[in-house]
Structure formats: structure tokens, C-alpha cells
């Protein structure tokens, strides 16, 4: 992400956090995390993107639905980088 993308993401995160209830820091953390996941889901499939999504606790099911790949294909991409 470059500076402008990050700035736009923060504006969206603040908007989302204002709609939620509870502690402000927790709301911002959740909102920004969801925007980062959304950003990575828009990227083309690659080993790095899948690893980042898994680090953000995105399930294999959600990744496979987004990229229209089976779990075996995703595992093969991570281990062999051959899709």
C-alpha cells in the first residue's frame, strides 16, 4: 500500500468504526483489519497474498470462495508455488 491508499483506508476504517459499538481502539482495530483483508482479497492470487491472508486469520474456505480455487490448489500454491 502506498500513502494515498493507506490514507483512504484509514478514512474508511474511521467511518466503519463510528458505526460500531464499544471501545474505540477495539472498533478501529476491527475496522482496519477488515479493510486490510478486503485489500488483499482484491489482489491477484499469489503465495505472498495467501500467506498474508492466513496471517490475518482468514479461513481457507473464504480464500477458496474468493479466488474460486479448491483448498488443495491453495495448499499447492503455498507449498510448491506451482498454480
N, C-alpha and C. Protein backbone atom coordinates (compact mmCIF):
# COMPACT_ATOMS: atom_id res chain seq x y z
N UNK A 1 0.84 -1.18 0.00
CA UNK A 1 0.00 0.00 0.00
C UNK A 1 0.88 1.24 0.00
N UNK A 2 0.54 2.17 -0.83
CA UNK A 2 1.26 3.43 -0.78
C UNK A 2 0.52 4.40 0.16
N UNK A 3 1.03 5.61 0.28
CA UNK A 3 0.48 6.56 1.25
C UNK A 3 -0.98 6.90 0.97
N UNK A 4 -1.31 7.14 -0.28
CA UNK A 4 -2.70 7.52 -0.62
C UNK A 4 -3.68 6.39 -0.34
N UNK A 5 -3.29 5.17 -0.66
CA UNK A 5 -4.16 4.04 -0.36
C UNK A 5 -4.36 3.88 1.14
N UNK A 6 -3.27 4.07 1.89
CA UNK A 6 -3.35 3.95 3.35
C UNK A 6 -4.25 5.05 3.92
N UNK A 7 -4.13 6.25 3.39
CA UNK A 7 -4.95 7.36 3.86
C UNK A 7 -6.44 7.09 3.58
N UNK A 8 -6.74 6.59 2.39
CA UNK A 8 -8.12 6.27 2.04
C UNK A 8 -8.65 5.13 2.92
N UNK A 9 -7.78 4.16 3.21
CA UNK A 9 -8.18 3.05 4.07
C UNK A 9 -8.48 3.53 5.48
N UNK A 10 -7.69 4.43 5.98
CA UNK A 10 -7.92 4.95 7.33
C UNK A 10 -9.24 5.71 7.40
N UNK A 11 -9.57 6.47 6.35
CA UNK A 11 -10.85 7.18 6.32
C UNK A 11 -12.02 6.19 6.36
N UNK A 12 -11.90 5.10 5.58
CA UNK A 12 -12.94 4.08 5.58
C UNK A 12 -13.02 3.40 6.94
N UNK A 13 -11.86 3.15 7.54
CA UNK A 13 -11.83 2.48 8.85
C UNK A 13 -12.51 3.34 9.92
N UNK A 14 -12.27 4.64 9.89
CA UNK A 14 -12.90 5.54 10.86
C UNK A 14 -14.41 5.52 10.66
N UNK A 15 -14.84 5.54 9.41
CA UNK A 15 -16.27 5.51 9.12
C UNK A 15 -16.90 4.22 9.64
N UNK A 16 -16.24 3.08 9.38
CA UNK A 16 -16.75 1.80 9.88
C UNK A 16 -16.75 1.75 11.41
N UNK A 17 -15.68 2.26 12.03
CA UNK A 17 -15.57 2.21 13.48
C UNK A 17 -16.65 3.06 14.15
N UNK A 18 -17.03 4.16 13.53
CA UNK A 18 -18.07 5.01 14.10
C UNK A 18 -19.43 4.31 14.10
N UNK A 19 -19.62 3.37 13.18
CA UNK A 19 -20.89 2.65 13.11
C UNK A 19 -20.98 1.53 14.14
N UNK A 20 -19.84 1.11 14.68
CA UNK A 20 -19.82 0.01 15.65
C UNK A 20 -20.01 0.56 17.07
N UNK A 21 -20.22 -0.37 18.00
CA UNK A 21 -20.35 -0.01 19.41
C UNK A 21 -19.19 -0.58 20.19
N UNK A 22 -18.85 0.06 21.30
CA UNK A 22 -17.81 -0.45 22.18
C UNK A 22 -16.62 0.47 22.26
N UNK A 23 -15.51 -0.09 22.72
CA UNK A 23 -14.27 0.65 22.89
C UNK A 23 -13.73 1.13 21.54
N UNK A 24 -13.29 2.38 21.49
CA UNK A 24 -12.84 2.97 20.24
C UNK A 24 -11.64 2.23 19.65
N UNK A 25 -10.67 1.89 20.46
CA UNK A 25 -9.48 1.21 19.96
C UNK A 25 -9.83 -0.17 19.38
N UNK A 26 -10.71 -0.87 20.04
CA UNK A 26 -11.13 -2.18 19.54
C UNK A 26 -11.90 -2.03 18.22
N UNK A 27 -12.75 -1.03 18.13
CA UNK A 27 -13.51 -0.80 16.89
C UNK A 27 -12.58 -0.46 15.74
N UNK A 28 -11.59 0.40 16.01
CA UNK A 28 -10.64 0.78 14.95
C UNK A 28 -9.81 -0.42 14.52
N UNK A 29 -9.41 -1.23 15.46
CA UNK A 29 -8.61 -2.41 15.14
C UNK A 29 -9.41 -3.36 14.24
N UNK A 30 -10.66 -3.61 14.60
CA UNK A 30 -11.51 -4.48 13.79
C UNK A 30 -11.78 -3.90 12.40
N UNK A 31 -12.06 -2.61 12.35
CA UNK A 31 -12.36 -1.97 11.08
C UNK A 31 -11.14 -1.98 10.16
N UNK A 32 -9.98 -1.65 10.70
CA UNK A 32 -8.78 -1.61 9.87
C UNK A 32 -8.38 -3.01 9.42
N UNK A 33 -8.56 -4.00 10.31
CA UNK A 33 -8.25 -5.38 9.94
C UNK A 33 -9.15 -5.83 8.79
N UNK A 34 -10.42 -5.51 8.85
CA UNK A 34 -11.33 -5.93 7.78
C UNK A 34 -11.01 -5.24 6.47
N UNK A 35 -10.55 -3.99 6.53
CA UNK A 35 -10.17 -3.30 5.31
C UNK A 35 -8.88 -3.87 4.71
N UNK A 36 -7.94 -4.28 5.57
CA UNK A 36 -6.72 -4.91 5.05
C UNK A 36 -7.05 -6.23 4.37
N UNK A 37 -7.93 -7.01 4.96
CA UNK A 37 -8.33 -8.28 4.36
C UNK A 37 -9.00 -8.02 3.02
N UNK A 38 -9.88 -7.03 2.99
CA UNK A 38 -10.57 -6.67 1.74
C UNK A 38 -9.56 -6.26 0.67
N UNK A 39 -8.53 -5.51 1.06
CA UNK A 39 -7.50 -5.08 0.12
C UNK A 39 -6.74 -6.27 -0.45
N UNK A 40 -6.37 -7.21 0.41
CA UNK A 40 -5.64 -8.39 -0.05
C UNK A 40 -6.50 -9.30 -0.91
N UNK A 41 -7.80 -9.35 -0.63
CA UNK A 41 -8.70 -10.19 -1.43
C UNK A 41 -8.85 -9.67 -2.86
N UNK A 42 -8.62 -8.39 -3.06
CA UNK A 42 -8.72 -7.81 -4.39
C UNK A 42 -7.47 -8.06 -5.23
N UNK A 43 -6.38 -8.46 -4.58
CA UNK A 43 -5.12 -8.70 -5.28
C UNK A 43 -5.20 -10.04 -6.02
N UNK A 44 -4.42 -10.18 -7.11
CA UNK A 44 -4.39 -11.49 -7.80
C UNK A 44 -3.75 -12.55 -6.88
N UNK A 45 -4.15 -13.78 -7.08
CA UNK A 45 -3.69 -14.86 -6.22
C UNK A 45 -2.18 -15.08 -6.38
N UNK A 46 -1.52 -15.19 -5.26
CA UNK A 46 -0.09 -15.50 -5.23
C UNK A 46 0.23 -16.08 -3.86
N UNK A 47 1.41 -16.64 -3.76
CA UNK A 47 1.83 -17.24 -2.49
C UNK A 47 1.87 -16.20 -1.39
N UNK A 48 2.39 -15.02 -1.67
CA UNK A 48 2.52 -13.97 -0.66
C UNK A 48 1.16 -13.48 -0.18
N UNK A 49 0.24 -13.30 -1.11
CA UNK A 49 -1.09 -12.81 -0.74
C UNK A 49 -1.81 -13.83 0.14
N UNK A 50 -1.72 -15.10 -0.22
CA UNK A 50 -2.38 -16.13 0.58
C UNK A 50 -1.76 -16.21 1.97
N UNK A 51 -0.44 -16.10 2.05
CA UNK A 51 0.20 -16.12 3.36
C UNK A 51 -0.23 -14.93 4.21
N UNK A 52 -0.36 -13.75 3.59
CA UNK A 52 -0.81 -12.58 4.34
C UNK A 52 -2.25 -12.76 4.82
N UNK A 53 -3.10 -13.32 3.98
CA UNK A 53 -4.48 -13.57 4.38
C UNK A 53 -4.55 -14.56 5.53
N UNK A 54 -3.74 -15.61 5.46
CA UNK A 54 -3.73 -16.58 6.55
C UNK A 54 -3.20 -15.97 7.83
N UNK A 55 -2.24 -15.06 7.73
CA UNK A 55 -1.74 -14.37 8.92
C UNK A 55 -2.81 -13.48 9.55
N UNK A 56 -3.74 -13.00 8.74
CA UNK A 56 -4.84 -12.18 9.24
C UNK A 56 -6.04 -13.04 9.63
N UNK A 57 -5.82 -14.35 9.78
CA UNK A 57 -6.83 -15.29 10.25
C UNK A 57 -8.03 -15.40 9.31
N UNK A 58 -7.78 -15.31 8.01
CA UNK A 58 -8.82 -15.55 7.03
C UNK A 58 -8.85 -17.05 6.77
N UNK A 59 -10.02 -17.62 6.74
CA UNK A 59 -10.15 -19.07 6.60
C UNK A 59 -9.85 -19.51 5.17
N UNK A 60 -9.43 -20.77 5.05
CA UNK A 60 -9.21 -21.36 3.73
C UNK A 60 -10.50 -21.32 2.92
N UNK A 61 -11.63 -21.51 3.59
CA UNK A 61 -12.91 -21.52 2.89
C UNK A 61 -13.18 -20.16 2.24
N UNK A 62 -12.93 -19.09 2.97
CA UNK A 62 -13.17 -17.75 2.43
C UNK A 62 -12.20 -17.44 1.28
N UNK A 63 -10.94 -17.88 1.43
CA UNK A 63 -9.96 -17.68 0.37
C UNK A 63 -10.36 -18.47 -0.87
N UNK A 64 -10.76 -19.71 -0.68
CA UNK A 64 -11.12 -20.54 -1.83
C UNK A 64 -12.37 -20.01 -2.54
N UNK A 65 -13.32 -19.49 -1.78
CA UNK A 65 -14.51 -18.91 -2.41
C UNK A 65 -14.16 -17.64 -3.18
N UNK A 66 -13.28 -16.83 -2.63
CA UNK A 66 -12.91 -15.57 -3.28
C UNK A 66 -12.15 -15.81 -4.59
N UNK A 67 -11.21 -16.74 -4.58
CA UNK A 67 -10.39 -16.99 -5.75
C UNK A 67 -10.89 -18.15 -6.61
N UNK A 68 -11.99 -18.78 -6.21
CA UNK A 68 -12.59 -19.89 -6.94
C UNK A 68 -11.58 -21.02 -7.17
N UNK A 69 -10.88 -21.37 -6.09
CA UNK A 69 -9.90 -22.45 -6.10
C UNK A 69 -10.24 -23.41 -4.97
N UNK A 70 -9.84 -24.67 -5.14
CA UNK A 70 -10.05 -25.63 -4.06
C UNK A 70 -8.96 -25.47 -3.01
N UNK A 71 -9.19 -26.07 -1.85
CA UNK A 71 -8.19 -25.99 -0.79
C UNK A 71 -6.89 -26.68 -1.21
N UNK A 72 -7.00 -27.76 -1.96
CA UNK A 72 -5.81 -28.45 -2.44
C UNK A 72 -4.98 -27.54 -3.36
N UNK A 73 -5.64 -26.77 -4.21
CA UNK A 73 -4.92 -25.86 -5.09
C UNK A 73 -4.23 -24.75 -4.29
N UNK A 74 -4.89 -24.29 -3.25
CA UNK A 74 -4.30 -23.25 -2.40
C UNK A 74 -3.11 -23.81 -1.64
N UNK A 75 -3.25 -25.02 -1.10
CA UNK A 75 -2.12 -25.66 -0.41
C UNK A 75 -0.95 -25.87 -1.36
N UNK A 76 -1.26 -26.29 -2.60
CA UNK A 76 -0.20 -26.50 -3.58
C UNK A 76 0.50 -25.18 -3.91
N UNK A 77 -0.26 -24.11 -3.96
CA UNK A 77 0.33 -22.80 -4.25
C UNK A 77 1.27 -22.37 -3.13
N UNK A 78 0.88 -22.63 -1.91
CA UNK A 78 1.70 -22.24 -0.77
C UNK A 78 2.97 -23.08 -0.70
N UNK A 79 2.83 -24.39 -0.89
CA UNK A 79 3.99 -25.26 -0.71
C UNK A 79 4.87 -25.33 -1.95
N UNK A 80 4.27 -25.41 -3.14
CA UNK A 80 5.07 -25.59 -4.33
C UNK A 80 5.14 -24.36 -5.22
N UNK A 81 4.20 -23.42 -5.05
CA UNK A 81 4.13 -22.22 -5.87
C UNK A 81 4.03 -22.61 -7.35
N UNK A 82 3.07 -23.52 -7.65
CA UNK A 82 3.01 -24.07 -9.00
C UNK A 82 1.64 -23.96 -9.67
N UNK A 83 0.80 -23.04 -9.28
CA UNK A 83 -0.50 -22.90 -9.94
C UNK A 83 -0.40 -21.88 -11.04
